[in-house]
Amino acid sequence: MFEQGDLRYVVLRLLEEKPRHGYEIIKALEERFGGNYAPSPGVVYPTLQLLEDLGYARVVPGVEGKKTYEITDEGRAYLAENRETVDSIFDRISKLVGHFLDEPMTEVHAAFRTVGKATYSRATDAVQSPAVLRQIVDILTRAAKEIDAIPR
């Protein structure tokens, strides 16, 4: 979803808005992507640790003992120095979300959810049946090839 290094800018921008703990950052990004993307904790928490190590964020007492981060003056300076890059990342997110949530895409999303539900439902039932799982993989592979073959 992000290019290498982009997430640190995004997380810092979110911390600039207000102090947050990791889960709040995940939820804020999920909301900005219209519920269609949420970074994993395995990406967010190491990024927070890196920002802390760099001196761009620090841990402050949080509600219910949660590790809450806030941006530091060094973090604000870093954001300011990279404002053009940060704005570009957020513009890209905005455009992606705009197109992703446009009316024509709603049918694609619905169809994809239907395929996903059917796939995981049947695969879960057939977890002990390699032949059925192979059929599912073959069907999905054919579908991907057919979609890729549609002229642009």
N, C-alpha and C. Protein backbone atom coordinates (compact mmCIF):
# COMPACT_ATOMS: atom_id res chain seq x y z
N MET A 1 0.82 -1.19 0.00
CA MET A 1 0.00 0.00 0.00
C MET A 1 0.87 1.26 0.00
N PHE A 2 1.95 1.21 0.76
CA PHE A 2 2.84 2.36 0.84
C PHE A 2 4.18 2.00 0.23
N GLU A 3 4.84 3.01 -0.30
CA GLU A 3 6.20 2.80 -0.75
C GLU A 3 7.11 2.75 0.47
N GLN A 4 8.32 2.23 0.30
CA GLN A 4 9.24 2.10 1.43
C GLN A 4 9.47 3.47 2.08
N GLY A 5 9.29 3.51 3.40
CA GLY A 5 9.51 4.73 4.16
C GLY A 5 8.29 5.62 4.29
N ASP A 6 7.26 5.39 3.46
CA ASP A 6 6.07 6.23 3.50
C ASP A 6 5.33 6.15 4.84
N LEU A 7 5.27 4.95 5.40
CA LEU A 7 4.47 4.77 6.61
C LEU A 7 4.99 5.62 7.76
N ARG A 8 6.29 5.83 7.82
CA ARG A 8 6.81 6.67 8.92
C ARG A 8 6.26 8.09 8.81
N TYR A 9 6.16 8.62 7.59
CA TYR A 9 5.59 9.95 7.41
C TYR A 9 4.11 9.98 7.78
N VAL A 10 3.41 8.95 7.36
CA VAL A 10 1.97 8.88 7.62
C VAL A 10 1.71 8.80 9.12
N VAL A 11 2.46 7.95 9.81
CA VAL A 11 2.28 7.81 11.26
C VAL A 11 2.64 9.12 11.96
N LEU A 12 3.71 9.75 11.53
CA LEU A 12 4.07 11.04 12.14
C LEU A 12 2.98 12.09 11.93
N ARG A 13 2.41 12.12 10.73
CA ARG A 13 1.33 13.08 10.46
C ARG A 13 0.15 12.80 11.38
N LEU A 14 -0.17 11.52 11.60
CA LEU A 14 -1.26 11.18 12.51
C LEU A 14 -0.93 11.59 13.94
N LEU A 15 0.32 11.42 14.33
CA LEU A 15 0.73 11.83 15.68
C LEU A 15 0.76 13.35 15.81
N GLU A 16 1.00 14.03 14.71
CA GLU A 16 0.95 15.50 14.72
C GLU A 16 -0.48 15.97 15.02
N GLU A 17 -1.46 15.23 14.52
CA GLU A 17 -2.86 15.58 14.79
C GLU A 17 -3.19 15.43 16.26
N LYS A 18 -2.72 14.31 16.87
CA LYS A 18 -2.95 14.06 18.29
C LYS A 18 -2.17 12.83 18.72
N PRO A 19 -1.84 12.73 20.01
CA PRO A 19 -1.17 11.51 20.49
C PRO A 19 -2.08 10.30 20.28
N ARG A 20 -1.46 9.16 19.96
CA ARG A 20 -2.25 7.95 19.68
C ARG A 20 -1.45 6.72 20.10
N HIS A 21 -2.17 5.65 20.38
CA HIS A 21 -1.50 4.37 20.56
C HIS A 21 -1.63 3.60 19.25
N GLY A 22 -0.91 2.49 19.14
CA GLY A 22 -0.83 1.75 17.88
C GLY A 22 -2.17 1.40 17.28
N TYR A 23 -3.09 0.90 18.11
CA TYR A 23 -4.40 0.51 17.59
C TYR A 23 -5.14 1.71 17.02
N GLU A 24 -5.00 2.88 17.64
CA GLU A 24 -5.65 4.08 17.12
C GLU A 24 -5.09 4.47 15.75
N ILE A 25 -3.81 4.25 15.57
CA ILE A 25 -3.19 4.54 14.27
C ILE A 25 -3.73 3.59 13.21
N ILE A 26 -3.83 2.33 13.55
CA ILE A 26 -4.38 1.34 12.62
C ILE A 26 -5.81 1.73 12.24
N LYS A 27 -6.62 2.07 13.23
CA LYS A 27 -8.02 2.44 12.98
C LYS A 27 -8.12 3.74 12.18
N ALA A 28 -7.26 4.72 12.46
CA ALA A 28 -7.29 5.98 11.72
C ALA A 28 -6.97 5.75 10.25
N LEU A 29 -6.00 4.88 9.97
CA LEU A 29 -5.67 4.58 8.58
C LEU A 29 -6.78 3.79 7.91
N GLU A 30 -7.36 2.86 8.64
CA GLU A 30 -8.48 2.10 8.08
C GLU A 30 -9.62 3.04 7.71
N GLU A 31 -9.88 4.01 8.56
CA GLU A 31 -10.95 4.99 8.29
C GLU A 31 -10.61 5.83 7.06
N ARG A 32 -9.37 6.26 6.94
CA ARG A 32 -8.96 7.08 5.79
C ARG A 32 -9.03 6.31 4.48
N PHE A 33 -8.93 4.98 4.57
CA PHE A 33 -9.05 4.14 3.38
C PHE A 33 -10.46 3.58 3.22
N GLY A 34 -11.42 4.19 3.88
CA GLY A 34 -12.81 3.78 3.72
C GLY A 34 -13.06 2.36 4.15
N GLY A 35 -12.24 1.84 5.08
CA GLY A 35 -12.43 0.47 5.56
C GLY A 35 -11.84 -0.59 4.65
N ASN A 36 -11.17 -0.16 3.57
CA ASN A 36 -10.64 -1.12 2.60
C ASN A 36 -9.19 -1.51 2.84
N TYR A 37 -8.55 -0.87 3.79
CA TYR A 37 -7.16 -1.21 4.11
C TYR A 37 -6.88 -0.82 5.54
N ALA A 38 -6.17 -1.66 6.24
CA ALA A 38 -5.66 -1.35 7.57
C ALA A 38 -4.30 -2.00 7.69
N PRO A 39 -3.29 -1.23 8.06
CA PRO A 39 -1.97 -1.84 8.21
C PRO A 39 -1.97 -2.82 9.37
N SER A 40 -1.11 -3.80 9.28
CA SER A 40 -1.04 -4.80 10.34
C SER A 40 -0.27 -4.24 11.53
N PRO A 41 -0.55 -4.76 12.72
CA PRO A 41 0.24 -4.37 13.89
C PRO A 41 1.73 -4.64 13.69
N GLY A 42 2.04 -5.68 12.90
CA GLY A 42 3.43 -6.03 12.64
C GLY A 42 4.17 -5.01 11.80
N VAL A 43 3.44 -4.04 11.24
CA VAL A 43 4.05 -2.95 10.49
C VAL A 43 4.01 -1.67 11.32
N VAL A 44 2.89 -1.43 11.99
CA VAL A 44 2.71 -0.18 12.73
C VAL A 44 3.62 -0.10 13.96
N TYR A 45 3.65 -1.16 14.77
CA TYR A 45 4.42 -1.08 16.01
C TYR A 45 5.93 -0.94 15.78
N PRO A 46 6.51 -1.66 14.82
CA PRO A 46 7.94 -1.40 14.55
C PRO A 46 8.18 0.02 14.03
N THR A 47 7.22 0.57 13.27
CA THR A 47 7.36 1.94 12.78
C THR A 47 7.35 2.90 13.96
N LEU A 48 6.45 2.69 14.92
CA LEU A 48 6.42 3.54 16.11
C LEU A 48 7.74 3.44 16.88
N GLN A 49 8.27 2.23 16.99
CA GLN A 49 9.55 2.05 17.70
C GLN A 49 10.67 2.78 16.97
N LEU A 50 10.67 2.69 15.64
CA LEU A 50 11.68 3.39 14.85
C LEU A 50 11.57 4.90 15.07
N LEU A 51 10.36 5.43 15.03
CA LEU A 51 10.16 6.87 15.24
C LEU A 51 10.64 7.29 16.63
N GLU A 52 10.41 6.42 17.60
CA GLU A 52 10.90 6.70 18.95
C GLU A 52 12.43 6.67 18.97
N ASP A 53 13.02 5.67 18.34
CA ASP A 53 14.48 5.55 18.29
C ASP A 53 15.12 6.75 17.60
N LEU A 54 14.45 7.28 16.57
CA LEU A 54 14.96 8.43 15.84
C LEU A 54 14.75 9.75 16.58
N GLY A 55 13.94 9.69 17.66
CA GLY A 55 13.65 10.90 18.42
C GLY A 55 12.50 11.71 17.85
N TYR A 56 11.74 11.13 16.90
CA TYR A 56 10.62 11.84 16.28
C TYR A 56 9.31 11.65 17.03
N ALA A 57 9.27 10.67 17.90
CA ALA A 57 8.07 10.40 18.71
C ALA A 57 8.55 9.93 20.09
N ARG A 58 7.67 10.09 21.07
CA ARG A 58 7.99 9.61 22.41
C ARG A 58 6.74 9.01 23.03
N VAL A 59 6.97 8.14 23.99
CA VAL A 59 5.87 7.50 24.71
C VAL A 59 5.44 8.43 25.84
N VAL A 60 4.13 8.59 25.95
CA VAL A 60 3.55 9.37 27.05
C VAL A 60 2.53 8.50 27.77
N PRO A 61 2.24 8.83 29.03
CA PRO A 61 1.23 8.02 29.73
C PRO A 61 -0.09 8.03 28.97
N GLY A 62 -0.63 6.84 28.79
CA GLY A 62 -1.88 6.71 28.06
C GLY A 62 -3.00 6.20 28.93
N VAL A 63 -4.18 6.19 28.36
CA VAL A 63 -5.37 5.70 29.04
C VAL A 63 -5.23 4.19 29.25
N GLU A 64 -5.61 3.73 30.38
CA GLU A 64 -5.61 2.29 30.70
C GLU A 64 -4.24 1.64 30.51
N GLY A 65 -3.18 2.41 30.72
CA GLY A 65 -1.84 1.86 30.63
C GLY A 65 -1.35 1.57 29.23
N LYS A 66 -2.09 2.00 28.20
CA LYS A 66 -1.66 1.76 26.82
C LYS A 66 -0.48 2.66 26.49
N LYS A 67 0.43 2.14 25.68
CA LYS A 67 1.61 2.88 25.25
C LYS A 67 1.17 3.89 24.19
N THR A 68 1.09 5.15 24.58
CA THR A 68 0.63 6.20 23.68
C THR A 68 1.85 7.01 23.20
N TYR A 69 1.83 7.35 21.93
CA TYR A 69 2.94 8.10 21.34
C TYR A 69 2.49 9.50 20.98
N GLU A 70 3.42 10.45 21.12
CA GLU A 70 3.18 11.81 20.64
C GLU A 70 4.39 12.24 19.84
N ILE A 71 4.17 13.17 18.94
CA ILE A 71 5.26 13.66 18.10
C ILE A 71 6.14 14.58 18.96
N THR A 72 7.43 14.58 18.67
CA THR A 72 8.37 15.47 19.36
C THR A 72 8.64 16.69 18.47
N ASP A 73 9.37 17.65 19.01
CA ASP A 73 9.76 18.81 18.20
C ASP A 73 10.62 18.36 17.02
N GLU A 74 11.49 17.35 17.25
CA GLU A 74 12.30 16.83 16.16
C GLU A 74 11.42 16.19 15.09
N GLY A 75 10.36 15.51 15.52
CA GLY A 75 9.42 14.92 14.59
C GLY A 75 8.69 15.97 13.77
N ARG A 76 8.30 17.06 14.43
CA ARG A 76 7.64 18.16 13.71
C ARG A 76 8.58 18.77 12.67
N ALA A 77 9.85 18.95 13.06
CA ALA A 77 10.85 19.50 12.14
C ALA A 77 11.05 18.55 10.96
N TYR A 78 11.12 17.26 11.23
CA TYR A 78 11.29 16.26 10.18
C TYR A 78 10.11 16.30 9.21
N LEU A 79 8.89 16.41 9.74
CA LEU A 79 7.71 16.52 8.88
C LEU A 79 7.78 17.79 8.04
N ALA A 80 8.16 18.89 8.66
CA ALA A 80 8.24 20.16 7.94
C ALA A 80 9.27 20.08 6.81
N GLU A 81 10.41 19.46 7.08
CA GLU A 81 11.46 19.30 6.06
C GLU A 81 10.98 18.44 4.89
N ASN A 82 10.07 17.54 5.18
CA ASN A 82 9.59 16.59 4.16
C ASN A 82 8.12 16.84 3.80
N ARG A 83 7.65 18.05 4.00
CA ARG A 83 6.24 18.39 3.78
C ARG A 83 5.77 18.01 2.38
N GLU A 84 6.59 18.26 1.37
CA GLU A 84 6.19 17.95 -0.01
C GLU A 84 5.96 16.44 -0.18
N THR A 85 6.86 15.64 0.36
CA THR A 85 6.73 14.18 0.30
C THR A 85 5.49 13.73 1.05
N VAL A 86 5.30 14.27 2.25
CA VAL A 86 4.15 13.89 3.09
C VAL A 86 2.85 14.26 2.39
N ASP A 87 2.78 15.47 1.84
CA ASP A 87 1.56 15.90 1.14
C ASP A 87 1.31 15.00 -0.07
N SER A 88 2.37 14.62 -0.77
CA SER A 88 2.23 13.74 -1.94
C SER A 88 1.66 12.38 -1.53
N ILE A 89 2.13 11.84 -0.41
CA ILE A 89 1.62 10.55 0.07
C ILE A 89 0.14 10.66 0.38
N PHE A 90 -0.26 11.72 1.09
CA PHE A 90 -1.66 11.87 1.45
C PHE A 90 -2.53 12.18 0.23
N ASP A 91 -2.00 12.88 -0.76
CA ASP A 91 -2.74 13.10 -2.01
C ASP A 91 -2.97 11.77 -2.71
N ARG A 92 -1.92 10.94 -2.74
CA ARG A 92 -2.04 9.62 -3.37
C ARG A 92 -3.09 8.77 -2.67
N ILE A 93 -3.09 8.81 -1.33
CA ILE A 93 -4.09 8.07 -0.55
C ILE A 93 -5.49 8.57 -0.90
N SER A 94 -5.64 9.88 -0.93
CA SER A 94 -6.94 10.48 -1.22
C SER A 94 -7.45 10.07 -2.60
N LYS A 95 -6.58 10.11 -3.60
CA LYS A 95 -6.98 9.72 -4.96
C LYS A 95 -7.34 8.24 -5.02
N LEU A 96 -6.52 7.43 -4.38
CA LEU A 96 -6.78 5.99 -4.37
C LEU A 96 -8.12 5.69 -3.71
N VAL A 97 -8.36 6.29 -2.57
CA VAL A 97 -9.61 6.06 -1.86
C VAL A 97 -10.78 6.57 -2.68
N GLY A 98 -10.60 7.75 -3.29
CA GLY A 98 -11.67 8.30 -4.12
C GLY A 98 -12.08 7.36 -5.22
N HIS A 99 -11.09 6.83 -5.94
CA HIS A 99 -11.40 5.90 -7.03
C HIS A 99 -11.90 4.56 -6.50
N PHE A 100 -11.33 4.16 -5.38
CA PHE A 100 -11.68 2.87 -4.80
C PHE A 100 -13.12 2.85 -4.32
N LEU A 101 -13.62 4.00 -3.90
CA LEU A 101 -14.97 4.06 -3.35
C LEU A 101 -16.00 4.63 -4.31
N ASP A 102 -15.56 4.97 -5.53
CA ASP A 102 -16.49 5.49 -6.53
C ASP A 102 -17.59 4.48 -6.82
N GLU A 103 -18.71 4.97 -7.29
CA GLU A 103 -19.89 4.15 -7.58
C GLU A 103 -19.59 2.93 -8.45
N PRO A 104 -18.84 3.05 -9.54
CA PRO A 104 -18.61 1.86 -10.37
C PRO A 104 -17.89 0.74 -9.63
N MET A 105 -17.12 1.08 -8.63
CA MET A 105 -16.36 0.07 -7.90
C MET A 105 -17.20 -0.69 -6.87
N THR A 106 -18.36 -0.19 -6.51
CA THR A 106 -19.14 -0.86 -5.47
C THR A 106 -19.53 -2.27 -5.89
N GLU A 107 -19.86 -2.46 -7.16
CA GLU A 107 -20.20 -3.80 -7.63
C GLU A 107 -18.99 -4.72 -7.61
N VAL A 108 -17.82 -4.18 -7.94
CA VAL A 108 -16.59 -4.97 -7.90
C VAL A 108 -16.31 -5.40 -6.46
N HIS A 109 -16.45 -4.46 -5.52
CA HIS A 109 -16.23 -4.79 -4.10
C HIS A 109 -17.19 -5.89 -3.64
N ALA A 110 -18.44 -5.74 -4.02
CA ALA A 110 -19.45 -6.73 -3.61
C ALA A 110 -19.11 -8.11 -4.19
N ALA A 111 -18.74 -8.14 -5.46
CA ALA A 111 -18.39 -9.41 -6.09
C ALA A 111 -17.15 -10.02 -5.44
N PHE A 112 -16.18 -9.19 -5.14
CA PHE A 112 -14.96 -9.68 -4.50
C PHE A 112 -15.26 -10.26 -3.12
N ARG A 113 -16.11 -9.58 -2.36
CA ARG A 113 -16.50 -10.11 -1.05
C ARG A 113 -17.21 -11.45 -1.20
N THR A 114 -18.08 -11.57 -2.20
CA THR A 114 -18.79 -12.83 -2.43
C THR A 114 -17.82 -13.96 -2.76
N VAL A 115 -16.85 -13.67 -3.63
CA VAL A 115 -15.84 -14.67 -3.97
C VAL A 115 -15.01 -15.03 -2.74
N GLY A 116 -14.62 -14.04 -1.98
CA GLY A 116 -13.84 -14.29 -0.77
C GLY A 116 -14.57 -15.16 0.22
N LYS A 117 -15.84 -14.84 0.46
CA LYS A 117 -16.64 -15.63 1.42
C LYS A 117 -16.78 -17.07 0.94
N ALA A 118 -17.11 -17.23 -0.35
CA ALA A 118 -17.28 -18.58 -0.89
C ALA A 118 -15.97 -19.35 -0.82
N THR A 119 -14.87 -18.69 -1.18
CA THR A 119 -13.57 -19.34 -1.18
C THR A 119 -13.20 -19.82 0.21
N TYR A 120 -13.25 -18.92 1.18
CA TYR A 120 -12.82 -19.30 2.53
C TYR A 120 -13.79 -20.25 3.20
N SER A 121 -15.05 -20.11 2.90
CA SER A 121 -16.03 -21.04 3.47
C SER A 121 -15.77 -22.46 2.96
N ARG A 122 -15.63 -22.59 1.65
CA ARG A 122 -15.42 -23.93 1.08
C ARG A 122 -14.05 -24.48 1.43
N ALA A 123 -13.02 -23.62 1.41
CA ALA A 123 -11.67 -24.08 1.73
C ALA A 123 -11.57 -24.52 3.19
N THR A 124 -12.23 -23.82 4.06
CA THR A 124 -12.23 -24.19 5.48
C THR A 124 -12.87 -25.55 5.68
N ASP A 125 -13.98 -25.78 4.97
CA ASP A 125 -14.66 -27.08 5.05
C ASP A 125 -13.78 -28.20 4.48
N ALA A 126 -12.91 -27.85 3.53
CA ALA A 126 -12.13 -28.86 2.82
C ALA A 126 -10.66 -28.88 3.21
N VAL A 127 -10.36 -28.36 4.37
CA VAL A 127 -8.96 -28.23 4.77
C VAL A 127 -8.22 -29.57 4.75
N GLN A 128 -8.92 -30.65 4.93
CA GLN A 128 -8.30 -31.98 4.90
C GLN A 128 -8.40 -32.65 3.52
N SER A 129 -8.85 -31.90 2.53
CA SER A 129 -9.04 -32.47 1.20
C SER A 129 -8.18 -31.71 0.17
N PRO A 130 -6.96 -32.18 -0.04
CA PRO A 130 -6.07 -31.51 -1.00
C PRO A 130 -6.66 -31.36 -2.39
N ALA A 131 -7.48 -32.32 -2.83
CA ALA A 131 -8.06 -32.25 -4.17
C ALA A 131 -9.01 -31.06 -4.29
N VAL A 132 -9.83 -30.85 -3.27
CA VAL A 132 -10.77 -29.71 -3.29
C VAL A 132 -10.00 -28.39 -3.21
N LEU A 133 -9.01 -28.35 -2.36
CA LEU A 133 -8.20 -27.13 -2.25
C LEU A 133 -7.50 -26.82 -3.57
N ARG A 134 -7.03 -27.83 -4.25
CA ARG A 134 -6.38 -27.65 -5.55
C ARG A 134 -7.38 -27.08 -6.55
N GLN A 135 -8.63 -27.58 -6.54
CA GLN A 135 -9.67 -27.05 -7.44
C GLN A 135 -9.90 -25.57 -7.16
N ILE A 136 -9.96 -25.21 -5.90
CA ILE A 136 -10.18 -23.80 -5.53
C ILE A 136 -9.04 -22.94 -6.05
N VAL A 137 -7.81 -23.39 -5.84
CA VAL A 137 -6.64 -22.64 -6.32
C VAL A 137 -6.68 -22.51 -7.84
N ASP A 138 -7.02 -23.59 -8.53
CA ASP A 138 -7.10 -23.56 -10.00
C ASP A 138 -8.15 -22.55 -10.48
N ILE A 139 -9.30 -22.55 -9.85
CA ILE A 139 -10.38 -21.61 -10.24
C ILE A 139 -9.92 -20.18 -10.03
N LEU A 140 -9.32 -19.90 -8.87
CA LEU A 140 -8.86 -18.54 -8.58
C LEU A 140 -7.75 -18.12 -9.54
N THR A 141 -6.86 -19.04 -9.87
CA THR A 141 -5.77 -18.74 -10.81
C THR A 141 -6.33 -18.42 -12.19
N ARG A 142 -7.30 -19.23 -12.65
CA ARG A 142 -7.94 -18.96 -13.96
C ARG A 142 -8.63 -17.60 -13.94
N ALA A 143 -9.34 -17.31 -12.86
CA ALA A 143 -10.04 -16.02 -12.77
C ALA A 143 -9.05 -14.87 -12.84
N ALA A 144 -7.93 -14.97 -12.12
CA ALA A 144 -6.92 -13.91 -12.15
C ALA A 144 -6.37 -13.72 -13.56
N LYS A 145 -6.10 -14.81 -14.25
CA LYS A 145 -5.58 -14.72 -15.62
C LYS A 145 -6.60 -14.07 -16.55
N GLU A 146 -7.87 -14.44 -16.42
CA GLU A 146 -8.92 -13.84 -17.26
C GLU A 146 -9.04 -12.35 -16.98
N ILE A 147 -8.98 -11.96 -15.73
CA ILE A 147 -9.07 -10.53 -15.38
C ILE A 147 -7.87 -9.77 -15.94
N ASP A 148 -6.68 -10.34 -15.78
CA ASP A 148 -5.47 -9.69 -16.31
C ASP A 148 -5.52 -9.57 -17.83
N ALA A 149 -6.22 -10.47 -18.50
CA ALA A 149 -6.28 -10.48 -19.97
C ALA A 149 -7.28 -9.46 -20.53
N ILE A 150 -8.09 -8.86 -19.68
CA ILE A 150 -9.05 -7.86 -20.16
C ILE A 150 -8.28 -6.67 -20.70
N PRO A 151 -8.58 -6.26 -21.95
CA PRO A 151 -7.85 -5.12 -22.55
C PRO A 151 -8.06 -3.85 -21.72
N ARG A 152 -6.99 -3.08 -21.64
CA ARG A 152 -7.02 -1.82 -20.86
C ARG A 152 -7.66 -0.73 -21.66
